[in-house]
Amino acid sequence: MMNSKKILLIIGLIVSAILPASAQIQSGKAIQITIKGVPVEESAKIDGMYPVSQSGFVTMPMIGAVQAAGNSSESLARKIEAAYKSGKIYRNPTIQVIDSSAQEINQEVVHVGGLVGRPGPTPFTQGLTLYQAIQAAGGPTTFGSMYRVKVFRDGKQQQYDLTQAKYMEIKLQPGDTIEVPQKNLIGR
């Protein structure tokens, strides 16, 4: 006759084999994010496929980077909901995250952040310029400055004045990050 410890061990092994493990989101993969409980025009800004960067983050509109890798879909959804609530952006958002782990991100992107209409990943095409990427992200907001736009590449930062035509044609590379800062006191 088996003792109770062996029986519990066998039951535990059977249950763990039957129940799927809570999958964790991985860097370099795609996740689908949708939002409910907000006006339709607001959900159009959020709903979509998001790449998880190699460093493990997704860049969400209005709240910026959120650690995604290592979280389950459910825990990431709760984190994003909490960020929108604590930022007083939405009162009662309901976020759904679908981990498309089988779907590798093949599309190259640049990341546009700061004060633009739609921060987040922007598809990269050969010959994409700094100005075009900002416009593809909805352009600068009323408070966004085109005088001090930053480009981050390979751990280095460059700043450009996009009110000057010669800087509008700066060519981007896949994976570049662009930041449109807030205007200063003199409107620059």
N, C-alpha and C. Protein backbone atom coordinates (compact mmCIF):
# COMPACT_ATOMS: atom_id res chain seq x y z
N MET A 1 0.83 -1.18 0.00
CA MET A 1 0.00 0.00 0.00
C MET A 1 0.88 1.25 0.00
N MET A 2 0.50 2.24 -0.86
CA MET A 2 1.28 3.47 -0.97
C MET A 2 1.01 4.37 0.22
N ASN A 3 2.06 5.07 0.63
CA ASN A 3 1.82 6.02 1.71
C ASN A 3 1.23 7.32 1.12
N SER A 4 0.70 8.15 2.00
CA SER A 4 -0.02 9.36 1.56
C SER A 4 0.88 10.35 0.84
N LYS A 5 2.16 10.43 1.17
CA LYS A 5 3.07 11.36 0.49
C LYS A 5 3.22 10.99 -0.99
N LYS A 6 3.36 9.70 -1.27
CA LYS A 6 3.50 9.25 -2.66
C LYS A 6 2.22 9.53 -3.44
N ILE A 7 1.09 9.31 -2.82
CA ILE A 7 -0.20 9.56 -3.48
C ILE A 7 -0.33 11.04 -3.82
N LEU A 8 -0.02 11.92 -2.87
CA LEU A 8 -0.09 13.36 -3.12
C LEU A 8 0.88 13.77 -4.23
N LEU A 9 2.07 13.18 -4.27
CA LEU A 9 3.04 13.49 -5.30
C LEU A 9 2.50 13.08 -6.68
N ILE A 10 1.93 11.93 -6.77
CA ILE A 10 1.38 11.44 -8.03
C ILE A 10 0.22 12.33 -8.48
N ILE A 11 -0.66 12.70 -7.57
CA ILE A 11 -1.78 13.59 -7.90
C ILE A 11 -1.26 14.93 -8.38
N GLY A 12 -0.25 15.47 -7.69
CA GLY A 12 0.34 16.75 -8.09
C GLY A 12 0.94 16.69 -9.49
N LEU A 13 1.63 15.60 -9.80
CA LEU A 13 2.21 15.45 -11.14
C LEU A 13 1.13 15.35 -12.21
N ILE A 14 0.06 14.64 -11.93
CA ILE A 14 -1.04 14.50 -12.89
C ILE A 14 -1.70 15.85 -13.13
N VAL A 15 -1.99 16.59 -12.06
CA VAL A 15 -2.64 17.89 -12.20
C VAL A 15 -1.75 18.86 -12.98
N SER A 16 -0.44 18.87 -12.68
CA SER A 16 0.45 19.80 -13.39
C SER A 16 0.59 19.42 -14.86
N ALA A 17 0.43 18.15 -15.19
CA ALA A 17 0.50 17.74 -16.59
C ALA A 17 -0.77 18.10 -17.35
N ILE A 18 -1.91 18.07 -16.64
CA ILE A 18 -3.19 18.37 -17.28
C ILE A 18 -3.39 19.86 -17.46
N LEU A 19 -3.11 20.64 -16.42
CA LEU A 19 -3.33 22.09 -16.49
C LEU A 19 -2.17 22.76 -17.21
N PRO A 20 -2.45 23.58 -18.22
CA PRO A 20 -1.36 24.25 -18.91
C PRO A 20 -0.69 25.27 -18.00
N ALA A 21 0.59 25.36 -18.11
CA ALA A 21 1.32 26.35 -17.32
C ALA A 21 0.95 27.75 -17.83
N SER A 22 0.94 28.69 -16.92
CA SER A 22 0.64 30.07 -17.29
C SER A 22 1.81 30.60 -18.12
N ALA A 23 1.60 30.75 -19.41
CA ALA A 23 2.67 31.16 -20.31
C ALA A 23 3.11 32.58 -20.00
N GLN A 24 4.40 32.79 -20.09
CA GLN A 24 4.95 34.11 -19.87
C GLN A 24 5.25 34.76 -21.20
N ILE A 25 5.03 36.06 -21.26
CA ILE A 25 5.30 36.83 -22.47
C ILE A 25 6.81 36.93 -22.64
N GLN A 26 7.26 36.81 -23.88
CA GLN A 26 8.69 36.80 -24.17
C GLN A 26 9.09 38.00 -25.01
N SER A 27 10.33 38.44 -24.84
CA SER A 27 10.88 39.52 -25.67
C SER A 27 10.92 39.07 -27.13
N GLY A 28 10.75 40.03 -28.04
CA GLY A 28 10.83 39.73 -29.46
C GLY A 28 9.58 39.10 -30.04
N LYS A 29 8.52 39.02 -29.27
CA LYS A 29 7.26 38.43 -29.73
C LYS A 29 6.22 39.53 -29.89
N ALA A 30 5.07 39.15 -30.42
CA ALA A 30 3.98 40.10 -30.59
C ALA A 30 2.87 39.79 -29.59
N ILE A 31 2.24 40.84 -29.07
CA ILE A 31 1.07 40.65 -28.23
C ILE A 31 -0.05 41.55 -28.76
N GLN A 32 -1.26 41.05 -28.69
CA GLN A 32 -2.44 41.80 -29.11
C GLN A 32 -3.05 42.41 -27.86
N ILE A 33 -3.28 43.73 -27.88
CA ILE A 33 -3.86 44.41 -26.73
C ILE A 33 -5.14 45.12 -27.17
N THR A 34 -6.21 44.89 -26.41
CA THR A 34 -7.48 45.58 -26.66
C THR A 34 -7.96 46.19 -25.35
N ILE A 35 -8.75 47.26 -25.47
CA ILE A 35 -9.27 47.95 -24.29
C ILE A 35 -10.78 48.08 -24.42
N LYS A 36 -11.47 47.88 -23.33
CA LYS A 36 -12.92 48.06 -23.25
C LYS A 36 -13.20 49.02 -22.10
N GLY A 37 -14.42 49.55 -22.05
CA GLY A 37 -14.79 50.44 -20.96
C GLY A 37 -14.36 51.88 -21.20
N VAL A 38 -14.01 52.19 -22.45
CA VAL A 38 -13.63 53.56 -22.82
C VAL A 38 -14.39 53.92 -24.10
N PRO A 39 -14.49 55.20 -24.45
CA PRO A 39 -15.16 55.57 -25.70
C PRO A 39 -14.49 54.91 -26.91
N VAL A 40 -15.29 54.66 -27.94
CA VAL A 40 -14.81 53.97 -29.14
C VAL A 40 -13.59 54.65 -29.75
N GLU A 41 -13.61 55.98 -29.82
CA GLU A 41 -12.47 56.69 -30.42
C GLU A 41 -11.20 56.51 -29.58
N GLU A 42 -11.36 56.29 -28.29
CA GLU A 42 -10.21 56.05 -27.42
C GLU A 42 -9.68 54.62 -27.61
N SER A 43 -10.60 53.66 -27.75
CA SER A 43 -10.15 52.28 -27.94
C SER A 43 -9.40 52.13 -29.26
N ALA A 44 -9.75 52.94 -30.27
CA ALA A 44 -9.04 52.89 -31.55
C ALA A 44 -7.58 53.30 -31.38
N LYS A 45 -7.28 54.12 -30.38
CA LYS A 45 -5.90 54.54 -30.13
C LYS A 45 -5.07 53.43 -29.46
N ILE A 46 -5.75 52.54 -28.75
CA ILE A 46 -5.06 51.52 -27.95
C ILE A 46 -5.02 50.16 -28.64
N ASP A 47 -6.16 49.74 -29.20
CA ASP A 47 -6.27 48.40 -29.77
C ASP A 47 -5.24 48.17 -30.87
N GLY A 48 -4.53 47.04 -30.77
CA GLY A 48 -3.58 46.72 -31.83
C GLY A 48 -2.57 45.68 -31.40
N MET A 49 -1.68 45.38 -32.35
CA MET A 49 -0.60 44.43 -32.13
C MET A 49 0.62 45.23 -31.68
N TYR A 50 1.25 44.80 -30.60
CA TYR A 50 2.40 45.51 -30.04
C TYR A 50 3.62 44.58 -30.00
N PRO A 51 4.77 45.06 -30.45
CA PRO A 51 5.98 44.25 -30.31
C PRO A 51 6.51 44.37 -28.88
N VAL A 52 7.05 43.28 -28.37
CA VAL A 52 7.74 43.31 -27.09
C VAL A 52 9.21 43.49 -27.43
N SER A 53 9.80 44.60 -26.98
CA SER A 53 11.19 44.92 -27.33
C SER A 53 12.13 43.86 -26.78
N GLN A 54 13.36 43.87 -27.27
CA GLN A 54 14.36 42.92 -26.78
C GLN A 54 14.63 43.11 -25.29
N SER A 55 14.38 44.34 -24.79
CA SER A 55 14.57 44.58 -23.36
C SER A 55 13.31 44.20 -22.56
N GLY A 56 12.25 43.75 -23.24
CA GLY A 56 11.08 43.23 -22.55
C GLY A 56 9.93 44.19 -22.33
N PHE A 57 9.95 45.35 -22.99
CA PHE A 57 8.91 46.35 -22.77
C PHE A 57 7.98 46.49 -23.97
N VAL A 58 6.74 46.91 -23.69
CA VAL A 58 5.82 47.37 -24.74
C VAL A 58 5.61 48.86 -24.47
N THR A 59 5.46 49.62 -25.54
CA THR A 59 5.23 51.06 -25.40
C THR A 59 3.76 51.32 -25.67
N MET A 60 3.06 51.76 -24.62
CA MET A 60 1.62 51.98 -24.69
C MET A 60 1.32 53.47 -24.86
N PRO A 61 0.31 53.80 -25.67
CA PRO A 61 -0.08 55.21 -25.81
C PRO A 61 -0.42 55.83 -24.46
N MET A 62 0.06 57.02 -24.23
CA MET A 62 -0.23 57.88 -23.08
C MET A 62 0.42 57.45 -21.77
N ILE A 63 0.90 56.19 -21.67
CA ILE A 63 1.56 55.77 -20.43
C ILE A 63 3.00 55.36 -20.66
N GLY A 64 3.39 55.13 -21.91
CA GLY A 64 4.78 54.80 -22.22
C GLY A 64 5.11 53.33 -22.03
N ALA A 65 6.37 53.08 -21.66
CA ALA A 65 6.88 51.72 -21.59
C ALA A 65 6.36 50.98 -20.36
N VAL A 66 5.96 49.72 -20.58
CA VAL A 66 5.48 48.85 -19.51
C VAL A 66 6.23 47.52 -19.65
N GLN A 67 6.77 47.02 -18.55
CA GLN A 67 7.48 45.73 -18.57
C GLN A 67 6.49 44.63 -18.92
N ALA A 68 6.75 43.93 -20.02
CA ALA A 68 5.85 42.87 -20.47
C ALA A 68 6.48 41.49 -20.33
N ALA A 69 7.72 41.35 -20.74
CA ALA A 69 8.38 40.04 -20.71
C ALA A 69 8.42 39.51 -19.28
N GLY A 70 8.12 38.22 -19.15
CA GLY A 70 8.12 37.59 -17.83
C GLY A 70 6.77 37.62 -17.15
N ASN A 71 5.84 38.41 -17.67
CA ASN A 71 4.49 38.47 -17.12
C ASN A 71 3.58 37.52 -17.89
N SER A 72 2.52 37.07 -17.23
CA SER A 72 1.48 36.35 -17.95
C SER A 72 0.61 37.40 -18.65
N SER A 73 -0.19 36.98 -19.60
CA SER A 73 -1.10 37.91 -20.28
C SER A 73 -2.00 38.61 -19.28
N GLU A 74 -2.50 37.86 -18.32
CA GLU A 74 -3.41 38.41 -17.31
C GLU A 74 -2.71 39.45 -16.43
N SER A 75 -1.50 39.15 -15.96
CA SER A 75 -0.81 40.10 -15.08
C SER A 75 -0.41 41.36 -15.84
N LEU A 76 -0.03 41.23 -17.12
CA LEU A 76 0.29 42.42 -17.91
C LEU A 76 -0.97 43.27 -18.11
N ALA A 77 -2.10 42.63 -18.37
CA ALA A 77 -3.36 43.37 -18.53
C ALA A 77 -3.67 44.18 -17.28
N ARG A 78 -3.49 43.57 -16.10
CA ARG A 78 -3.76 44.29 -14.84
C ARG A 78 -2.78 45.45 -14.64
N LYS A 79 -1.51 45.27 -15.04
CA LYS A 79 -0.52 46.34 -14.93
C LYS A 79 -0.90 47.54 -15.80
N ILE A 80 -1.33 47.25 -17.03
CA ILE A 80 -1.69 48.32 -17.96
C ILE A 80 -2.94 49.03 -17.46
N GLU A 81 -3.93 48.27 -16.99
CA GLU A 81 -5.14 48.89 -16.42
C GLU A 81 -4.76 49.82 -15.27
N ALA A 82 -3.90 49.34 -14.37
CA ALA A 82 -3.49 50.14 -13.21
C ALA A 82 -2.77 51.42 -13.64
N ALA A 83 -1.95 51.33 -14.68
CA ALA A 83 -1.22 52.51 -15.16
C ALA A 83 -2.18 53.55 -15.74
N TYR A 84 -3.18 53.10 -16.49
CA TYR A 84 -4.16 54.04 -17.05
C TYR A 84 -5.01 54.67 -15.93
N LYS A 85 -5.33 53.88 -14.91
CA LYS A 85 -6.12 54.41 -13.78
C LYS A 85 -5.29 55.38 -12.95
N SER A 86 -4.08 54.99 -12.57
CA SER A 86 -3.26 55.85 -11.71
C SER A 86 -2.84 57.13 -12.42
N GLY A 87 -2.74 57.08 -13.74
CA GLY A 87 -2.43 58.28 -14.51
C GLY A 87 -3.66 59.13 -14.77
N LYS A 88 -4.79 58.68 -14.23
CA LYS A 88 -6.09 59.36 -14.39
C LYS A 88 -6.43 59.60 -15.87
N ILE A 89 -6.06 58.62 -16.70
CA ILE A 89 -6.34 58.69 -18.13
C ILE A 89 -7.71 58.07 -18.40
N TYR A 90 -7.96 56.88 -17.81
CA TYR A 90 -9.25 56.22 -17.92
C TYR A 90 -9.67 55.78 -16.51
N ARG A 91 -10.99 55.82 -16.25
CA ARG A 91 -11.49 55.42 -14.93
C ARG A 91 -11.56 53.92 -14.74
N ASN A 92 -12.20 53.22 -15.68
CA ASN A 92 -12.41 51.78 -15.52
C ASN A 92 -12.09 51.03 -16.80
N PRO A 93 -10.83 51.06 -17.23
CA PRO A 93 -10.51 50.32 -18.44
C PRO A 93 -10.44 48.83 -18.16
N THR A 94 -10.80 48.04 -19.15
CA THR A 94 -10.61 46.59 -19.08
C THR A 94 -9.68 46.24 -20.24
N ILE A 95 -8.51 45.76 -19.91
CA ILE A 95 -7.50 45.42 -20.91
C ILE A 95 -7.49 43.92 -21.13
N GLN A 96 -7.36 43.53 -22.38
CA GLN A 96 -7.17 42.12 -22.71
C GLN A 96 -5.86 42.00 -23.48
N VAL A 97 -5.02 41.07 -23.05
CA VAL A 97 -3.74 40.82 -23.71
C VAL A 97 -3.76 39.40 -24.24
N ILE A 98 -3.51 39.26 -25.52
CA ILE A 98 -3.42 37.94 -26.13
C ILE A 98 -1.97 37.75 -26.56
N ASP A 99 -1.33 36.76 -25.97
CA ASP A 99 0.07 36.48 -26.27
C ASP A 99 0.14 35.67 -27.55
N SER A 100 0.69 36.26 -28.56
CA SER A 100 0.84 35.58 -29.85
C SER A 100 2.24 34.97 -29.91
N SER A 101 2.57 34.12 -28.92
CA SER A 101 3.94 33.66 -28.80
C SER A 101 4.46 32.92 -30.02
N ALA A 102 3.58 32.35 -30.78
CA ALA A 102 4.05 31.66 -31.96
C ALA A 102 4.41 32.65 -33.07
N GLN A 103 4.02 33.88 -32.89
CA GLN A 103 4.20 34.88 -33.93
C GLN A 103 5.42 35.75 -33.65
N GLU A 104 6.47 35.49 -34.36
CA GLU A 104 7.71 36.26 -34.21
C GLU A 104 7.51 37.61 -34.88
N ILE A 105 8.09 38.65 -34.33
CA ILE A 105 8.01 39.97 -34.94
C ILE A 105 9.02 40.02 -36.08
N ASN A 106 8.53 40.02 -37.30
CA ASN A 106 9.41 40.13 -38.45
C ASN A 106 9.43 41.55 -38.98
N GLN A 107 8.40 42.29 -38.69
CA GLN A 107 8.32 43.66 -39.18
C GLN A 107 9.27 44.53 -38.38
N GLU A 108 10.09 45.27 -39.09
CA GLU A 108 11.01 46.18 -38.41
C GLU A 108 10.27 47.46 -38.08
N VAL A 109 10.60 48.05 -36.93
CA VAL A 109 9.92 49.26 -36.48
C VAL A 109 10.92 50.26 -35.93
N VAL A 110 10.46 51.51 -35.82
CA VAL A 110 11.11 52.53 -35.02
C VAL A 110 10.11 52.86 -33.94
N HIS A 111 10.58 53.34 -32.80
CA HIS A 111 9.70 53.65 -31.69
C HIS A 111 9.63 55.16 -31.52
N VAL A 112 8.42 55.70 -31.60
CA VAL A 112 8.24 57.14 -31.48
C VAL A 112 7.51 57.40 -30.17
N GLY A 113 8.12 58.23 -29.32
CA GLY A 113 7.54 58.52 -28.02
C GLY A 113 7.53 60.01 -27.73
N GLY A 114 7.12 60.32 -26.53
CA GLY A 114 7.03 61.72 -26.15
C GLY A 114 5.70 62.30 -26.56
N LEU A 115 5.71 63.57 -26.91
CA LEU A 115 4.46 64.29 -27.17
C LEU A 115 4.09 64.24 -28.65
N VAL A 116 3.63 63.04 -29.06
CA VAL A 116 3.11 62.83 -30.41
C VAL A 116 1.69 62.28 -30.29
N GLY A 117 0.95 62.34 -31.38
CA GLY A 117 -0.44 61.90 -31.36
C GLY A 117 -0.64 60.44 -31.00
N ARG A 118 0.21 59.55 -31.53
CA ARG A 118 0.08 58.11 -31.28
C ARG A 118 1.45 57.51 -30.98
N PRO A 119 1.92 57.66 -29.73
CA PRO A 119 3.24 57.09 -29.42
C PRO A 119 3.20 55.57 -29.54
N GLY A 120 4.35 55.02 -29.88
CA GLY A 120 4.45 53.57 -29.99
C GLY A 120 5.25 53.18 -31.21
N PRO A 121 5.21 51.90 -31.54
CA PRO A 121 5.98 51.43 -32.69
C PRO A 121 5.40 51.95 -34.00
N THR A 122 6.29 52.30 -34.91
CA THR A 122 5.91 52.76 -36.25
C THR A 122 6.66 51.88 -37.24
N PRO A 123 5.97 51.32 -38.24
CA PRO A 123 6.66 50.45 -39.20
C PRO A 123 7.83 51.16 -39.88
N PHE A 124 8.94 50.43 -40.00
CA PHE A 124 10.12 50.96 -40.68
C PHE A 124 10.07 50.54 -42.14
N THR A 125 10.32 51.49 -43.02
CA THR A 125 10.49 51.20 -44.44
C THR A 125 11.82 51.81 -44.85
N GLN A 126 12.44 51.22 -45.86
CA GLN A 126 13.73 51.72 -46.34
C GLN A 126 13.60 53.19 -46.72
N GLY A 127 14.51 54.02 -46.22
CA GLY A 127 14.50 55.44 -46.55
C GLY A 127 13.65 56.29 -45.61
N LEU A 128 13.07 55.68 -44.57
CA LEU A 128 12.22 56.43 -43.63
C LEU A 128 13.03 57.54 -42.97
N THR A 129 12.48 58.76 -43.00
CA THR A 129 13.17 59.88 -42.38
C THR A 129 12.60 60.16 -40.99
N LEU A 130 13.36 60.93 -40.23
CA LEU A 130 12.95 61.32 -38.88
C LEU A 130 11.62 62.05 -38.92
N TYR A 131 11.47 62.98 -39.82
CA TYR A 131 10.24 63.76 -39.94
C TYR A 131 9.06 62.85 -40.31
N GLN A 132 9.27 61.94 -41.25
CA GLN A 132 8.19 61.03 -41.67
C GLN A 132 7.73 60.13 -40.52
N ALA A 133 8.67 59.65 -39.71
CA ALA A 133 8.31 58.78 -38.59
C ALA A 133 7.45 59.53 -37.58
N ILE A 134 7.80 60.79 -37.31
CA ILE A 134 7.00 61.58 -36.36
C ILE A 134 5.61 61.83 -36.93
N GLN A 135 5.52 62.12 -38.21
CA GLN A 135 4.21 62.34 -38.83
C GLN A 135 3.38 61.06 -38.83
N ALA A 136 4.03 59.90 -39.05
CA ALA A 136 3.31 58.62 -39.03
C ALA A 136 2.77 58.32 -37.63
N ALA A 137 3.39 58.92 -36.60
CA ALA A 137 2.93 58.73 -35.22
C ALA A 137 1.93 59.82 -34.82
N GLY A 138 1.35 60.49 -35.78
CA GLY A 138 0.32 61.49 -35.50
C GLY A 138 0.85 62.91 -35.37
N GLY A 139 2.15 63.10 -35.60
CA GLY A 139 2.73 64.43 -35.50
C GLY A 139 2.85 64.88 -34.06
N PRO A 140 3.53 66.02 -33.85
CA PRO A 140 3.67 66.50 -32.49
C PRO A 140 2.33 67.00 -31.95
N THR A 141 2.11 66.86 -30.66
CA THR A 141 0.91 67.41 -30.03
C THR A 141 1.10 68.93 -29.91
N THR A 142 0.10 69.61 -29.42
CA THR A 142 0.18 71.06 -29.21
C THR A 142 1.37 71.42 -28.34
N PHE A 143 1.73 70.54 -27.42
CA PHE A 143 2.82 70.82 -26.50
C PHE A 143 4.15 70.20 -26.92
N GLY A 144 4.17 69.48 -28.04
CA GLY A 144 5.39 68.83 -28.50
C GLY A 144 6.30 69.79 -29.24
N SER A 145 7.58 69.72 -28.95
CA SER A 145 8.57 70.60 -29.57
C SER A 145 9.31 69.89 -30.69
N MET A 146 9.33 70.51 -31.86
CA MET A 146 10.11 69.97 -32.98
C MET A 146 11.52 70.57 -33.00
N TYR A 147 11.84 71.41 -32.03
CA TYR A 147 13.15 72.06 -31.97
C TYR A 147 14.23 71.17 -31.35
N ARG A 148 13.83 70.21 -30.52
CA ARG A 148 14.81 69.42 -29.76
C ARG A 148 14.48 67.93 -29.82
N VAL A 149 14.20 67.42 -31.01
CA VAL A 149 13.84 66.01 -31.16
C VAL A 149 15.08 65.14 -30.96
N LYS A 150 14.94 64.09 -30.15
CA LYS A 150 16.07 63.21 -29.85
C LYS A 150 15.91 61.89 -30.59
N VAL A 151 17.04 61.37 -31.06
CA VAL A 151 17.08 60.04 -31.67
C VAL A 151 18.09 59.22 -30.87
N PHE A 152 17.64 58.05 -30.40
CA PHE A 152 18.50 57.13 -29.65
C PHE A 152 18.81 55.94 -30.55
N ARG A 153 20.12 55.66 -30.71
CA ARG A 153 20.55 54.55 -31.56
C ARG A 153 21.82 53.96 -30.96
N ASP A 154 21.82 52.67 -30.77
CA ASP A 154 23.00 51.96 -30.26
C ASP A 154 23.56 52.61 -29.00
N GLY A 155 22.70 53.00 -28.08
CA GLY A 155 23.14 53.56 -26.82
C GLY A 155 23.61 55.00 -26.90
N LYS A 156 23.47 55.62 -28.05
CA LYS A 156 23.88 57.02 -28.21
C LYS A 156 22.67 57.87 -28.53
N GLN A 157 22.78 59.16 -28.22
CA GLN A 157 21.67 60.09 -28.42
C GLN A 157 22.13 61.27 -29.28
N GLN A 158 21.28 61.65 -30.23
CA GLN A 158 21.51 62.85 -31.05
C GLN A 158 20.27 63.71 -30.93
N GLN A 159 20.44 65.02 -31.00
CA GLN A 159 19.31 65.95 -30.93
C GLN A 159 19.26 66.76 -32.22
N TYR A 160 18.04 66.94 -32.76
CA TYR A 160 17.86 67.64 -34.03
C TYR A 160 16.78 68.70 -33.93
N ASP A 161 16.96 69.78 -34.66
CA ASP A 161 15.98 70.85 -34.78
C ASP A 161 15.21 70.61 -36.08
N LEU A 162 14.03 70.01 -35.96
CA LEU A 162 13.27 69.66 -37.16
C LEU A 162 12.51 70.84 -37.77
N THR A 163 12.74 72.03 -37.27
CA THR A 163 12.19 73.20 -37.95
C THR A 163 13.14 73.61 -39.08
N GLN A 164 14.32 73.00 -39.13
CA GLN A 164 15.28 73.24 -40.20
C GLN A 164 15.20 72.08 -41.19
N ALA A 165 15.00 72.40 -42.45
CA ALA A 165 14.78 71.40 -43.50
C ALA A 165 15.90 70.37 -43.57
N LYS A 166 17.15 70.77 -43.34
CA LYS A 166 18.26 69.82 -43.49
C LYS A 166 18.17 68.65 -42.49
N TYR A 167 17.51 68.86 -41.36
CA TYR A 167 17.38 67.78 -40.37
C TYR A 167 16.13 66.92 -40.59
N MET A 168 15.21 67.41 -41.38
CA MET A 168 13.98 66.64 -41.64
C MET A 168 14.29 65.37 -42.44
N GLU A 169 15.41 65.38 -43.15
CA GLU A 169 15.76 64.25 -44.01
C GLU A 169 16.71 63.24 -43.36
N ILE A 170 16.91 63.33 -42.05
CA ILE A 170 17.76 62.37 -41.34
C ILE A 170 17.16 60.98 -41.53
N LYS A 171 17.95 60.05 -42.04
CA LYS A 171 17.48 58.67 -42.28
C LYS A 171 17.53 57.87 -40.98
N LEU A 172 16.49 57.10 -40.77
CA LEU A 172 16.40 56.26 -39.57
C LEU A 172 16.83 54.83 -39.88
N GLN A 173 17.09 54.09 -38.82
CA GLN A 173 17.41 52.67 -38.93
C GLN A 173 16.41 51.89 -38.08
N PRO A 174 16.17 50.62 -38.43
CA PRO A 174 15.25 49.82 -37.61
C PRO A 174 15.70 49.80 -36.16
N GLY A 175 14.74 49.93 -35.25
CA GLY A 175 15.04 49.90 -33.83
C GLY A 175 15.36 51.25 -33.22
N ASP A 176 15.48 52.31 -34.04
CA ASP A 176 15.73 53.64 -33.50
C ASP A 176 14.56 54.06 -32.61
N THR A 177 14.86 54.86 -31.60
CA THR A 177 13.84 55.43 -30.72
C THR A 177 13.88 56.94 -30.87
N ILE A 178 12.72 57.53 -31.08
CA ILE A 178 12.59 58.97 -31.28
C ILE A 178 11.77 59.54 -30.14
N GLU A 179 12.21 60.66 -29.59
CA GLU A 179 11.46 61.32 -28.52
C GLU A 179 11.20 62.76 -28.89
N VAL A 180 9.91 63.14 -28.87
CA VAL A 180 9.50 64.53 -29.09
C VAL A 180 9.25 65.11 -27.71
N PRO A 181 10.11 66.07 -27.28
CA PRO A 181 9.98 66.59 -25.92
C PRO A 181 8.90 67.65 -25.80
N GLN A 182 8.64 68.05 -24.58
CA GLN A 182 7.67 69.13 -24.30
C GLN A 182 8.32 70.48 -24.63
N LYS A 183 7.49 71.39 -25.13
CA LYS A 183 7.97 72.74 -25.41
C LYS A 183 8.44 73.38 -24.11
N ASN A 184 9.45 74.27 -24.22
CA ASN A 184 9.91 74.98 -23.04
C ASN A 184 9.13 76.29 -22.89
N LEU A 185 9.53 77.11 -21.96
CA LEU A 185 8.79 78.35 -21.66
C LEU A 185 8.69 79.32 -22.84
N ILE A 186 9.65 79.28 -23.75
CA ILE A 186 9.59 80.20 -24.89
C ILE A 186 8.98 79.52 -26.12
N GLY A 187 8.38 78.36 -25.92
CA GLY A 187 7.65 77.68 -27.00
C GLY A 187 8.52 76.89 -27.93
N ARG A 188 9.70 76.51 -27.50
CA ARG A 188 10.59 75.73 -28.36
C ARG A 188 10.76 74.32 -27.87
